[in-house]
Protein backbone atom coordinates (compact mmCIF):
# COMPACT_ATOMS: atom_id res chain seq x y z
CA MET A 1 3.78 -0.85 12.63
CA SER A 2 6.14 1.70 10.29
CA ASP A 3 8.34 -1.05 9.21
CA LEU A 4 5.53 -3.36 8.26
CA ASP A 5 3.13 -3.03 5.56
CA LEU A 6 0.40 -5.51 4.85
CA TYR A 7 2.41 -8.17 2.89
CA SER A 8 5.42 -8.24 4.82
CA LEU A 9 3.30 -8.68 8.10
CA TRP A 10 1.67 -11.81 6.46
CA ASP A 11 4.98 -13.14 5.18
CA GLN A 12 6.46 -13.26 8.90
CA VAL A 13 3.00 -14.42 10.26
CA MET A 14 3.38 -17.36 7.99
CA GLN A 15 6.73 -17.97 8.99
CA LYS A 16 6.09 -17.80 12.78
CA THR A 17 2.93 -20.34 12.43
CA LYS A 18 4.82 -22.86 10.29
CA THR A 19 6.85 -24.07 13.22
CA LYS A 20 3.73 -24.07 15.60
CA MET A 21 1.40 -26.65 13.89
CA PRO A 22 1.53 -29.84 11.98
CA GLN A 23 3.28 -29.16 8.67
CA GLN A 24 0.37 -30.56 6.56
CA MET A 25 -2.16 -28.68 8.60
CA TRP A 26 -0.12 -25.45 8.05
CA ASP A 27 0.24 -26.19 4.05
CA SER A 28 -3.70 -26.67 3.87
CA LEU A 29 -5.14 -24.09 6.13
CA VAL A 30 -2.64 -21.32 6.07
CA VAL A 31 -0.36 -20.90 2.87
CA ASN A 32 -2.73 -22.22 0.61
CA SER A 33 -6.07 -20.96 1.96
CA LEU A 34 -5.36 -17.47 3.36
CA MET A 35 -4.52 -14.35 1.53
CA PRO A 36 -3.71 -10.86 3.14
CA TYR A 37 -6.66 -8.28 2.55
CA SER A 38 -6.17 -5.16 4.59
CA MET A 39 -4.66 -4.01 7.77
CA THR A 40 -5.07 -1.02 10.26
CA SER A 41 -3.53 -0.83 13.60
CA THR A 42 -6.00 -2.65 15.19
CA ILE A 43 -7.79 -4.93 12.40
CA LEU A 44 -6.15 -7.56 10.21
CA THR A 45 -8.46 -8.98 7.39
CA LEU A 46 -7.52 -12.22 5.71
CA PHE A 47 -9.01 -13.57 2.49
CA VAL A 48 -10.25 -17.04 2.52
CA MET A 49 -9.73 -18.45 -0.72
CA ASP A 50 -12.20 -21.70 -0.12
CA PRO A 51 -14.77 -20.69 2.22
CA SER A 52 -15.63 -24.39 3.09
CA LYS A 53 -12.18 -24.20 5.03
CA LEU A 54 -13.25 -21.19 7.13
CA LYS A 55 -14.63 -23.16 10.05
CA TYR A 56 -11.39 -25.16 10.46
CA ILE A 57 -9.28 -22.17 10.17
CA GLN A 58 -11.16 -20.64 13.07
CA THR A 59 -10.41 -23.67 15.41
CA PRO A 60 -8.16 -22.53 18.24
CA LEU A 61 -5.31 -24.66 16.88
CA VAL A 62 -5.09 -22.66 13.69
CA HIS A 63 -6.62 -19.07 14.56
CA ASN A 64 -4.69 -18.72 17.89
CA GLN A 65 -1.42 -19.27 16.26
CA ILE A 66 -2.24 -16.71 13.84
CA VAL A 67 -3.27 -14.46 16.30
CA GLU A 68 -0.17 -14.86 18.46
CA ALA A 69 2.04 -14.47 15.54
CA ALA A 70 0.38 -11.15 14.22
CA LYS A 71 0.28 -9.58 17.64
CA SER A 72 4.02 -10.28 18.30
CA LEU A 73 4.64 -8.19 15.18
CA LEU A 74 1.67 -5.60 15.67
CA PRO A 75 1.09 -5.20 19.21
CA THR A 76 -1.91 -2.89 18.52
CA LEU A 77 -3.76 -5.72 16.90
CA GLN A 78 -7.23 -6.47 18.45
CA ILE A 79 -9.18 -8.21 15.74
CA ILE A 80 -8.54 -10.78 12.99
CA ASP A 81 -11.51 -10.99 10.48
CA TYR A 82 -11.89 -13.44 7.78
CA LEU A 83 -13.16 -12.45 4.47
CA THR A 84 -14.90 -15.23 2.25
CA ASP A 85 -16.51 -12.93 -0.38
CA THR A 86 -14.75 -9.61 -1.44
CA ALA A 87 -18.18 -8.37 -2.95
CA THR A 88 -19.29 -8.12 0.87
CA ALA A 89 -16.39 -5.88 1.74
CA ASP A 90 -18.21 -2.58 1.19
CA THR A 91 -20.96 -3.65 3.49
CA SER A 92 -18.74 -5.07 6.14
CA SER A 93 -20.45 -8.47 5.91
CA LEU A 94 -17.12 -10.04 7.17
CA GLU A 95 -16.91 -13.52 8.37
CA THR A 96 -15.40 -12.83 11.84
CA ILE A 97 -13.35 -14.78 14.56
CA HIS A 98 -16.23 -15.96 16.91
CA THR A 99 -16.90 -19.62 16.05
CA SER A 100 -16.77 -22.52 18.50
CA PRO A 101 -14.64 -25.40 17.77
CA SER A 102 -17.39 -27.91 18.93
CA ASP A 103 -19.63 -26.53 16.22
CA ILE A 104 -17.25 -27.89 13.64
CA PRO A 105 -18.47 -31.40 12.06
CA PRO A 106 -15.78 -33.78 10.84
CA MET A 107 -14.98 -33.39 7.05
CA PRO A 108 -14.81 -36.29 4.67
CA PRO A 109 -11.29 -36.95 3.17
CA ILE A 110 -10.39 -34.61 0.18
CA ASP A 111 -8.07 -35.25 -2.47
CA MET A 112 -6.44 -32.00 -3.59
CA PRO A 113 -4.79 -32.05 -7.27
CA SER A 114 -1.58 -30.87 -8.08
CA ILE A 115 -1.53 -27.75 -10.41
CA GLU A 116 0.91 -28.13 -13.27
CA ASP A 117 -0.26 -25.69 -15.95
CA THR A 118 -3.41 -23.32 -16.30
CA THR A 119 -3.54 -24.46 -19.77
CA MET A 120 -3.43 -28.24 -18.86
CA GLU A 121 -6.11 -30.47 -17.08
CA SER A 122 -5.09 -31.13 -13.61
CA SER A 123 -4.83 -34.77 -12.37
CA PRO A 124 -5.70 -36.07 -9.13
CA SER A 125 -3.06 -36.75 -6.37
CA PRO A 126 -2.85 -39.81 -4.34
CA ILE A 127 -4.37 -39.69 -0.82
CA ILE A 128 -1.58 -39.01 1.67
CA PRO A 129 -2.26 -39.74 5.38
CA PRO A 130 -1.83 -36.69 7.90
CA PRO A 131 1.48 -36.65 9.45
CA TRP A 132 -0.13 -35.79 12.90
CA ASP A 133 -2.22 -37.66 15.17
CA ALA A 134 -5.52 -38.41 13.36
CA GLU A 135 -7.60 -38.76 16.68
CA GLU A 136 -6.23 -35.45 18.12
CA TYR A 137 -6.82 -33.35 15.12
CA ASP A 138 -9.64 -35.27 13.07
CA GLU A 139 -12.11 -32.43 14.19
CA VAL A 140 -9.93 -29.83 12.90
CA LEU A 141 -8.80 -30.96 9.51
CA PRO A 142 -9.94 -33.43 7.08
CA GLU A 143 -7.76 -36.70 6.60
CA GLY A 144 -5.85 -37.15 3.58
CA VAL A 145 -5.10 -33.71 2.55
CA SER A 146 -2.28 -33.45 0.28
CA ARG A 147 -0.44 -30.15 -0.41
CA PRO A 148 -0.53 -28.83 -3.93
CA SER A 149 2.67 -28.19 -5.85
CA TYR A 150 3.80 -24.95 -7.08
CA ASP A 151 5.85 -25.14 -10.08
CA SER A 152 4.77 -22.10 -11.99
CA PRO A 153 4.58 -18.47 -11.53
CA VAL A 154 0.77 -17.24 -11.02
CA ILE A 155 -1.15 -16.49 -13.96
CA ILE A 156 -4.41 -14.46 -13.47
CA GLN A 157 -6.84 -16.06 -15.90
CA ARG A 158 -10.30 -15.21 -16.41
CA ASN A 159 -11.99 -17.23 -19.15
CA THR A 160 -15.66 -17.28 -20.12
CA SER A 161 -15.52 -20.89 -21.18
CA PRO A 162 -15.87 -23.50 -18.34
CA SER A 163 -12.73 -25.32 -17.66
CA GLN A 164 -12.34 -29.04 -16.83
CA GLY A 165 -10.62 -30.88 -13.90
CA ILE A 166 -9.46 -27.91 -11.83
CA GLN A 167 -9.86 -27.00 -8.18
CA LYS A 168 -12.78 -24.40 -7.08
CA PRO A 169 -11.56 -21.11 -8.54
CA VAL A 170 -10.64 -18.05 -6.79
CA PRO A 171 -13.77 -15.85 -6.34
CA THR A 172 -14.50 -13.60 -9.62
CA ASP A 173 -14.52 -10.58 -7.81
CA LEU A 174 -11.29 -10.92 -5.79
CA PHE A 175 -9.74 -8.31 -8.18
CA ALA A 176 -11.30 -4.64 -8.40
CA SER A 177 -14.10 -4.24 -10.70
CA LYS A 178 -15.95 -0.79 -11.46
CA THR A 179 -19.00 -2.80 -12.98
CA THR A 180 -21.65 -4.24 -11.20
CA SER A 181 -22.70 -6.75 -13.94
CA PRO A 182 -21.47 -10.43 -12.89
CA ILE A 183 -18.19 -11.79 -13.98
CA PRO A 184 -17.80 -15.25 -15.16
CA PRO A 185 -16.18 -17.68 -12.87
CA ALA A 186 -12.39 -17.95 -13.11
CA PRO A 187 -10.36 -21.07 -13.46
CA THR A 188 -7.68 -21.87 -10.69
CA VAL A 189 -4.98 -19.11 -9.94
CA GLN A 190 -1.59 -20.90 -10.11
CA ARG A 191 1.17 -20.19 -7.66
CA ASP A 192 4.78 -21.38 -7.04
CA MET A 193 5.52 -18.62 -4.61
CA ARG A 194 5.79 -19.15 -0.95
CA SER A 195 3.63 -16.30 -0.14
CA SER A 196 0.61 -15.57 -2.48
CA SER A 197 0.80 -12.04 -1.61
CA LYS A 198 3.79 -11.69 -3.84
CA SER A 199 1.87 -13.30 -6.84
CA HIS A 200 -1.30 -11.34 -7.05
CA LEU A 201 -2.50 -7.94 -8.26
CA ASN A 202 -3.22 -5.97 -5.41
CA ARG A 203 -6.92 -4.90 -5.77
CA ALA A 204 -6.21 -1.88 -3.40
CA PHE A 205 -3.84 -0.31 -6.06
CA THR A 206 -6.15 1.48 -8.51
CA PHE A 207 -5.96 4.90 -10.66
CA ASP A 208 -8.83 6.20 -8.51
CA ASN A 209 -6.66 6.12 -5.24
CA TYR A 210 -3.35 7.14 -6.94
CA ILE A 211 -2.22 10.69 -6.09
CA GLU A 212 -1.35 12.47 -9.00
CA SER A 213 0.92 15.47 -9.07
CA ASN A 214 3.96 17.04 -10.94
CA SER A 215 6.42 14.50 -9.99
CA ASN A 216 4.41 11.33 -11.49
CA ARG A 217 2.06 12.91 -14.00
CA VAL A 218 3.71 11.77 -17.07
CA ALA A 219 4.10 8.02 -15.51
CA PHE A 220 0.40 8.12 -14.58
CA SER A 221 -0.93 9.28 -17.93
CA ALA A 222 1.35 6.75 -19.70
CA ALA A 223 -0.08 4.02 -17.34
CA LYS A 224 -3.75 4.84 -18.13
CA ALA A 225 -3.21 4.75 -21.92
CA VAL A 226 -1.48 1.35 -21.56
CA ALA A 227 -4.57 0.04 -19.53
CA GLU A 228 -7.03 1.21 -22.13
CA ASN A 229 -5.00 -0.24 -25.17
CA PRO A 230 -2.53 -2.84 -23.68
CA GLY A 231 -0.16 -4.23 -26.02
CA LEU A 232 -0.87 -1.20 -28.59
CA ARG A 233 0.26 1.76 -26.72
CA TYR A 234 3.65 2.48 -25.21
CA ASN A 235 4.75 -1.24 -25.41
CA PRO A 236 7.03 -1.98 -23.23
CA LEU A 237 6.11 0.67 -20.68
CA TYR A 238 9.18 1.05 -18.39
CA ILE A 239 8.63 2.75 -15.27
CA HIS A 240 11.85 4.13 -13.21
CA GLY A 241 12.52 5.81 -10.01
CA GLN A 242 13.59 5.48 -6.42
CA SER A 243 12.22 2.86 -4.17
CA GLY A 244 8.90 3.61 -2.43
CA LEU A 245 7.61 6.29 -4.89
CA GLY A 246 4.65 4.38 -6.29
CA LYS A 247 5.91 2.33 -9.28
CA THR A 248 4.32 -0.90 -7.86
CA HIS A 249 0.88 0.87 -7.25
CA LEU A 250 1.01 2.34 -10.67
CA MET A 251 1.63 -1.18 -12.64
CA HIS A 252 -1.02 -3.16 -10.48
CA ALA A 253 -3.40 -0.21 -11.15
CA ILE A 254 -2.56 -0.98 -14.98
CA GLY A 255 -3.42 -4.68 -14.18
CA ASN A 256 -6.72 -3.91 -12.23
CA GLU A 257 -8.04 -1.55 -15.02
CA ILE A 258 -7.29 -4.25 -17.64
CA LEU A 259 -9.51 -6.71 -15.79
CA VAL A 260 -12.30 -4.30 -15.29
CA ASN A 261 -12.33 -3.80 -19.09
CA ASN A 262 -11.47 -7.14 -20.09
CA PRO A 263 -12.33 -9.89 -17.32
CA SER A 264 -10.94 -12.77 -19.66
CA ALA A 265 -7.55 -11.08 -19.83
CA LYS A 266 -4.70 -13.36 -18.54
CA ILE A 267 -2.19 -11.21 -16.47
CA MET A 268 0.81 -12.32 -14.66
CA SER A 269 2.38 -9.94 -11.99
CA ILE A 270 5.88 -11.15 -10.66
CA THR A 271 9.10 -9.82 -9.34
CA SER A 272 12.30 -10.26 -11.34
CA GLU A 273 13.66 -12.46 -8.47
CA ASP A 274 10.52 -14.65 -8.63
CA PHE A 275 11.20 -14.88 -12.52
CA MET A 276 14.57 -16.01 -11.79
CA ASN A 277 13.69 -18.44 -9.26
CA SER A 278 10.93 -20.18 -11.34
CA PHE A 279 13.29 -20.33 -14.19
CA ILE A 280 16.10 -21.99 -11.99
CA GLU A 281 13.67 -24.43 -10.68
CA SER A 282 12.60 -25.06 -14.34
CA LEU A 283 16.05 -26.27 -15.24
CA ARG A 284 16.45 -28.31 -11.97
CA THR A 285 13.06 -30.21 -12.43
CA LYS A 286 13.78 -30.30 -16.41
CA THR A 287 10.61 -28.62 -17.20
CA PRO A 288 11.74 -25.66 -19.20
CA ASP A 289 8.75 -26.09 -21.91
CA GLN A 290 6.26 -25.73 -19.15
CA PHE A 291 8.25 -22.70 -17.71
CA ARG A 292 7.74 -21.08 -21.27
CA ARG A 293 4.13 -21.82 -21.51
CA ASN A 294 3.35 -20.15 -18.53
CA PHE A 295 5.16 -17.03 -19.17
CA ARG A 296 4.14 -16.78 -23.13
CA ASP A 297 0.62 -17.74 -22.88
CA ILE A 298 -0.43 -14.51 -21.28
CA ASP A 299 -1.90 -11.16 -22.42
CA VAL A 300 0.23 -9.06 -19.94
CA LEU A 301 3.37 -9.34 -18.07
CA ILE A 302 4.05 -7.05 -15.17
CA ILE A 303 7.54 -7.34 -13.81
CA ASP A 304 8.79 -5.48 -10.61
CA ASP A 305 12.57 -4.60 -10.12
CA VAL A 306 14.06 -5.85 -13.21
CA GLN A 307 17.38 -4.37 -12.11
CA PHE A 308 17.73 -7.43 -10.10
CA LEU A 309 18.47 -9.42 -13.53
CA GLU A 310 21.48 -7.24 -13.85
CA GLU A 311 24.56 -9.39 -12.95
CA LYS A 312 27.31 -11.09 -14.80
CA ASN A 313 26.26 -14.45 -13.39
CA LYS A 314 22.79 -14.23 -14.50
CA LYS A 315 23.55 -14.14 -18.31
CA THR A 316 21.36 -17.44 -18.64
CA THR A 317 18.34 -15.76 -16.81
CA GLN A 318 18.73 -12.55 -19.04
CA GLU A 319 18.74 -14.58 -22.17
CA GLU A 320 15.46 -16.41 -21.16
CA PHE A 321 13.98 -13.15 -20.05
CA PHE A 322 15.00 -11.69 -23.61
CA ASN A 323 13.23 -14.58 -25.31
CA THR A 324 10.05 -14.37 -23.43
CA PHE A 325 10.27 -10.30 -23.84
CA ASN A 326 10.68 -10.75 -27.71
CA HIS A 327 7.77 -13.58 -27.91
CA LEU A 328 5.36 -11.18 -26.13
CA LEU A 329 6.04 -7.77 -27.77
CA SER A 330 5.90 -9.78 -31.35
CA HIS A 331 2.51 -11.07 -30.42
CA ASN A 332 1.47 -7.59 -29.44
CA LYS A 333 0.93 -8.59 -25.66
CA ALA A 334 1.60 -5.81 -22.98
CA VAL A 335 4.72 -5.69 -20.99
CA ILE A 336 5.05 -3.22 -18.09
CA LEU A 337 8.40 -3.16 -16.31
CA SER A 338 9.57 -1.22 -13.32
CA SER A 339 13.21 -0.42 -12.01
CA ASP A 340 15.15 2.02 -9.61
CA LYS A 341 17.02 3.26 -12.68
CA PRO A 342 16.89 4.21 -16.32
CA PRO A 343 17.79 1.62 -19.04
CA LYS A 344 21.04 3.79 -19.83
CA ASP A 345 22.49 3.13 -16.27
CA TYR A 346 22.85 -0.64 -16.64
CA LYS A 347 26.45 -1.87 -16.83
CA GLU A 348 26.01 -5.63 -16.74
CA MET A 349 22.67 -5.97 -18.61
CA GLU A 350 22.74 -7.46 -22.09
CA GLU A 351 22.69 -4.64 -24.75
CA ARG A 352 19.76 -6.41 -26.58
CA LEU A 353 17.76 -6.09 -23.60
CA ILE A 354 18.51 -2.79 -22.97
CA THR A 355 17.62 -1.84 -26.45
CA ARG A 356 14.20 -3.44 -26.05
CA PHE A 357 13.61 -1.56 -22.87
CA ASN A 358 14.10 1.51 -24.89
CA SER A 359 11.76 0.41 -27.76
CA GLY A 360 8.57 1.63 -26.02
CA LEU A 361 8.23 4.48 -23.53
CA THR A 362 10.55 5.30 -20.47
CA VAL A 363 8.75 7.33 -17.98
CA GLU A 364 10.34 8.38 -14.42
CA ILE A 365 8.48 8.91 -11.22
CA GLU A 366 10.25 11.72 -9.16
CA ALA A 367 10.18 12.00 -5.39
CA PRO A 368 7.29 13.81 -4.27
CA ASN A 369 6.95 17.45 -3.83
CA PRO A 370 5.24 19.31 -0.86
CA GLU A 371 2.05 19.68 -3.02
CA MET A 372 1.92 15.95 -3.27
CA ILE A 373 2.84 14.98 0.15
CA GLU A 374 -0.05 17.34 1.48
CA ALA A 375 -2.47 15.21 -0.79
CA ILE A 376 -1.31 11.93 0.38
CA ILE A 377 -1.68 13.13 4.04
CA HIS A 378 -5.22 14.59 3.56
CA GLU A 379 -6.22 11.33 1.75
CA GLU A 380 -4.63 9.14 4.85
CA ILE A 381 -6.63 11.58 7.19
CA ASP A 382 -10.06 10.90 5.19
CA HIS A 383 -9.16 7.12 5.15
CA ARG A 384 -8.41 6.76 9.01
CA ARG A 385 -11.55 8.97 10.11
CA SER A 386 -13.60 5.58 9.13
CA GLU A 387 -11.59 4.03 12.26
CA TYR A 388 -11.16 7.29 14.30
CA PRO A 389 -14.15 9.54 13.82
CA THR A 390 -13.03 12.27 16.13
CA LEU A 391 -9.28 12.31 14.49
CA TYR A 392 -8.26 16.20 13.77
CA VAL A 393 -4.78 16.85 12.19
CA PRO A 394 -4.27 20.65 11.87
CA LYS A 395 -2.75 22.23 8.95
CA GLU A 396 0.38 23.09 10.60
CA VAL A 397 1.03 19.33 11.10
CA VAL A 398 0.29 18.78 7.56
CA HIS A 399 2.78 21.36 6.52
CA LEU A 400 5.17 19.76 8.88
CA PHE A 401 4.77 16.47 6.95
CA ALA A 402 5.32 18.49 3.82
CA GLN A 403 8.59 19.89 4.88
CA TYR A 404 10.00 16.84 6.48
CA PHE A 405 9.25 14.35 3.64
CA ASN A 406 10.03 16.77 0.59
CA LYS A 407 11.75 14.80 -2.00
CA ARG A 408 11.59 11.70 0.17
CA ASN A 409 9.96 8.19 0.22
CA ILE A 410 6.37 8.10 0.10
CA ARG A 411 6.77 4.79 2.02
CA GLU A 412 8.37 6.64 4.94
CA LEU A 413 5.78 9.49 4.87
CA LYS A 414 3.06 6.70 5.24
CA GLY A 415 4.88 5.07 7.95
CA ALA A 416 5.38 8.28 9.79
CA PHE A 417 2.02 9.08 9.50
CA GLU A 418 0.71 5.81 10.52
CA THR A 419 3.40 5.87 13.73
CA LEU A 420 1.83 9.51 14.46
CA ILE A 421 -1.90 8.05 14.45
CA THR A 422 -1.11 4.87 16.40
CA GLN A 423 0.53 7.12 19.32
CA ALA A 424 -2.20 9.45 19.20
CA ALA A 425 -4.71 6.79 19.47
CA ILE A 426 -2.73 4.97 22.41
CA THR A 427 -2.58 8.42 24.21
CA ASN A 428 -6.20 9.69 23.69
CA ARG A 429 -4.59 12.74 21.52
CA LEU A 430 -6.65 12.15 18.37
CA GLU A 431 -8.39 15.29 18.83
CA THR A 432 -5.41 17.23 19.95
CA ILE A 433 -2.43 16.48 17.78
CA ASP A 434 -0.24 19.40 17.42
CA VAL A 435 3.48 20.31 16.17
CA GLU A 436 5.12 19.49 19.57
CA PHE A 437 3.43 16.02 19.81
CA THR A 438 4.00 15.23 16.17
CA ASN A 439 7.76 15.94 16.40
CA LYS A 440 7.94 13.47 19.48
CA ALA A 441 5.89 10.89 17.74
CA ILE A 442 7.84 10.60 14.39
CA LYS A 443 11.25 11.76 15.74
CA ASP A 444 12.65 8.64 14.38
CA PHE A 445 11.84 9.63 10.76
CA ILE A 446 12.93 13.09 10.93
CA ILE A 447 16.23 14.15 9.07
CA HIS A 448 17.29 17.28 10.71
CA THR A 449 17.90 20.45 9.02
CA GLU A 450 18.44 24.00 9.60
CA LYS A 451 14.77 24.85 8.43
CA ILE A 452 12.35 26.41 10.58
CA VAL A 453 8.86 24.66 10.63
CA LEU A 454 6.25 27.17 10.43
CA SER A 455 3.41 26.92 13.10
CA ILE A 456 1.06 29.12 15.16
CA LYS A 457 3.64 28.52 17.99
CA TYR A 458 6.72 29.68 15.94
CA ILE A 459 4.77 32.83 14.89
CA GLN A 460 3.81 33.68 18.34
CA GLU A 461 7.27 33.39 19.46
CA PHE A 462 8.55 35.56 16.52
CA VAL A 463 5.97 38.30 16.69
CA ALA A 464 6.46 38.56 20.64
CA ASN A 465 10.35 38.83 20.22
CA TYR A 466 9.75 41.49 17.19
CA PHE A 467 7.51 43.47 19.57
CA LYS A 468 9.86 42.92 22.54
CA ILE A 469 7.23 41.63 24.83
CA LYS A 470 7.04 38.35 26.75
CA LEU A 471 5.27 35.48 24.98
CA GLU A 472 3.07 35.05 28.22
CA HIS A 473 1.58 38.32 27.58
CA LEU A 474 0.96 38.04 23.87
CA ILE A 475 -1.27 35.05 24.66
CA SER A 476 -2.63 36.42 27.68
CA GLN A 477 -5.94 38.06 28.10
CA LYS A 478 -4.57 41.47 28.77
CA ARG A 479 -6.40 44.07 26.70
CA ASN A 480 -3.49 46.56 26.76
CA LYS A 481 -2.85 47.90 23.12
CA GLN A 482 0.92 47.11 23.42
CA TYR A 483 -0.29 43.51 23.83
CA ALA A 484 -3.50 43.13 22.24
CA HIS A 485 -2.18 44.75 18.61
CA PRO A 486 0.89 42.32 18.13
CA ARG A 487 -1.53 39.56 19.40
CA GLN A 488 -3.84 40.39 16.46
CA ILE A 489 -0.95 40.82 13.97
CA ALA A 490 0.09 37.25 15.14
CA MET A 491 -3.45 35.85 14.52
CA TYR A 492 -3.43 37.60 11.16
CA LEU A 493 -0.18 36.08 10.15
CA ALA A 494 -1.24 32.42 11.30
CA ARG A 495 -4.18 32.68 8.82
CA GLU A 496 -2.23 34.16 6.09
CA LEU A 497 0.99 32.08 6.12
CA ILE A 498 -0.25 28.59 7.16
CA ASN A 499 -3.78 29.12 6.51
CA GLU A 500 -4.85 27.62 9.84
CA SER A 501 -8.59 27.62 10.75
CA TYR A 502 -9.98 30.41 13.08
CA PRO A 503 -11.02 27.93 15.64
CA GLN A 504 -7.54 26.64 15.82
CA ILE A 505 -6.02 29.93 15.89
CA SER A 506 -8.24 31.24 18.71
CA PHE A 507 -7.68 28.09 20.74
CA ALA A 508 -3.90 28.66 20.38
CA PHE A 509 -4.28 32.14 21.87
CA GLY A 510 -6.56 30.83 24.70
CA LYS A 511 -9.68 32.09 23.15
CA LYS A 512 -12.80 29.74 23.07
CA ASP A 513 -14.48 31.58 20.42
CA HIS A 514 -13.41 31.29 16.88
CA THR A 515 -14.67 34.84 16.11
CA THR A 516 -11.63 36.49 17.85
CA ALA A 517 -9.41 35.16 15.44
CA LEU A 518 -11.91 36.14 12.72
CA HIS A 519 -12.23 39.79 14.12
CA ALA A 520 -8.34 39.93 14.50
CA TYR A 521 -8.00 39.03 10.69
CA GLU A 522 -10.61 41.42 9.45
CA LYS A 523 -9.43 44.35 11.59
CA ILE A 524 -5.73 44.12 10.50
CA SER A 525 -6.65 43.68 6.89
CA ARG A 526 -8.75 46.92 7.20
CA GLU A 527 -6.10 48.78 9.03
CA MET A 528 -3.31 47.56 6.26
CA GLU A 529 -5.42 49.34 3.57
CA LYS A 530 -5.25 52.56 5.43
CA ASP A 531 -2.01 52.63 7.48
CA GLN A 532 1.14 52.28 5.42
CA ASP A 533 3.51 51.86 8.41
CA LEU A 534 1.30 48.63 9.51
CA ARG A 535 1.46 47.50 6.01
CA TYR A 536 5.15 47.85 6.08
CA THR A 537 5.47 46.27 9.54
CA ILE A 538 3.79 43.31 8.48
CA GLU A 539 5.43 42.75 5.20
CA SER A 540 8.68 42.89 7.06
CA ILE A 541 7.72 40.29 9.55
CA ARG A 542 6.14 38.14 6.93
CA GLU A 543 9.22 38.04 4.72
CA GLU A 544 11.59 37.07 7.79
CA LEU A 545 9.03 34.24 8.67
CA GLU A 546 9.47 33.21 4.98
CA GLU A 547 12.97 33.18 4.74
CA ALA A 548 13.47 31.26 8.00
CA LYS A 549 11.16 28.34 6.30
């Protein structure tokens, strides 16, 4: 699970199912009808772009192949939900997988048009007979379904004026919206990608769920300014940083916010690799004019990973990108770019492109600090409690993640946390996750260092060694002063140094009542005000523990 996000999982599911069913059936009911919507360790939700196809998708021939492919990649998967209207997502009104194939009536032949250009009227394609046995599959898929051709990158276009000669549009609420007022229907979303997941704004990526900290505050502020005044503020906006730090999230948040403010905005979100592939395909098919129309008749261009344009053998692509870039900037259209390095570090990029990159605002997203990591983990905990209400992650485990993933990749951090939660769920440890269990669960993510992870257990061991008593006596029920006093000091330090809860501290010392730890903390605090020797002892222990971190 840690190696798979929602989109990479769906890409692999499509590859696996492609070989298990007739090509035209796969084209019509999988690649051109389904989009990944959300994923947990047990539930995969898919968005059905044409609700009329849901009953055919739910037949065993299609649904069972999707389940088999998904479970081979995500063994913990239990349910696949089909969502036909994103507006019902918050109320859990999901179309589910329980449909009997016998309930599906035969469907008349459909002629699906080829999508050439969002600005041009589509013309109907000739009816093509299905390449599988019609008698065997006529109850599953309508006869004569032809595959749409995808020759252009995605244009997310929302117009208030009616469109002619197009397919049924993607639901208007497919993208995030913060308003309850109805949004006019959108024309066809055009795709030339093998997977639609590479082509759409991810509606889950918003400013509201983006974790802001010192490491990304400048980039976050700039992104919000661009979303409020696209094409007028910081144009182009160039965001750079290591992989997995949230650049894509921030760019998609800009796009989603623009659509909230202006539902008719035309936004293209694409990777530099898909830009290159689309350009090469236009040369092969001798349709460069169409390519240019698709990339220039838009309001916002979002391109991820522009560093992949930097190669000597891509000069022609760089030139086309430069022309597109220039056209959009000269017409006050917003351009948002991301890369793993700043413009000054390019060696094989055309100088005029580098100059354009630097003509707006260049911002860096730095690796997360402990403060940001803890905020991310707390958000993940809150999110997972909807699935696991009894989930409890103690503060020392949160601190553990902050130390292990300081200045590291956020994607790795989330992968490690997902691994922890999955293993805890499997082993019934959701309520008793501790440092020892966490270390075992995420051992493959840990980069070993000499630093000590401060935990209740480590504080207990340190205090026992400091006062030269056995650990078993420190955490026992013995009330002798030689054990009780160090025990109270250890409880005090657990509260002071790692801010652990009183119930958790009491539990770690074998006490059932949280008032034991509370009493120890208050008692030591009072005594330190009167006893200088005690205060010196505790400060000495505290300094040594802090240095060990």
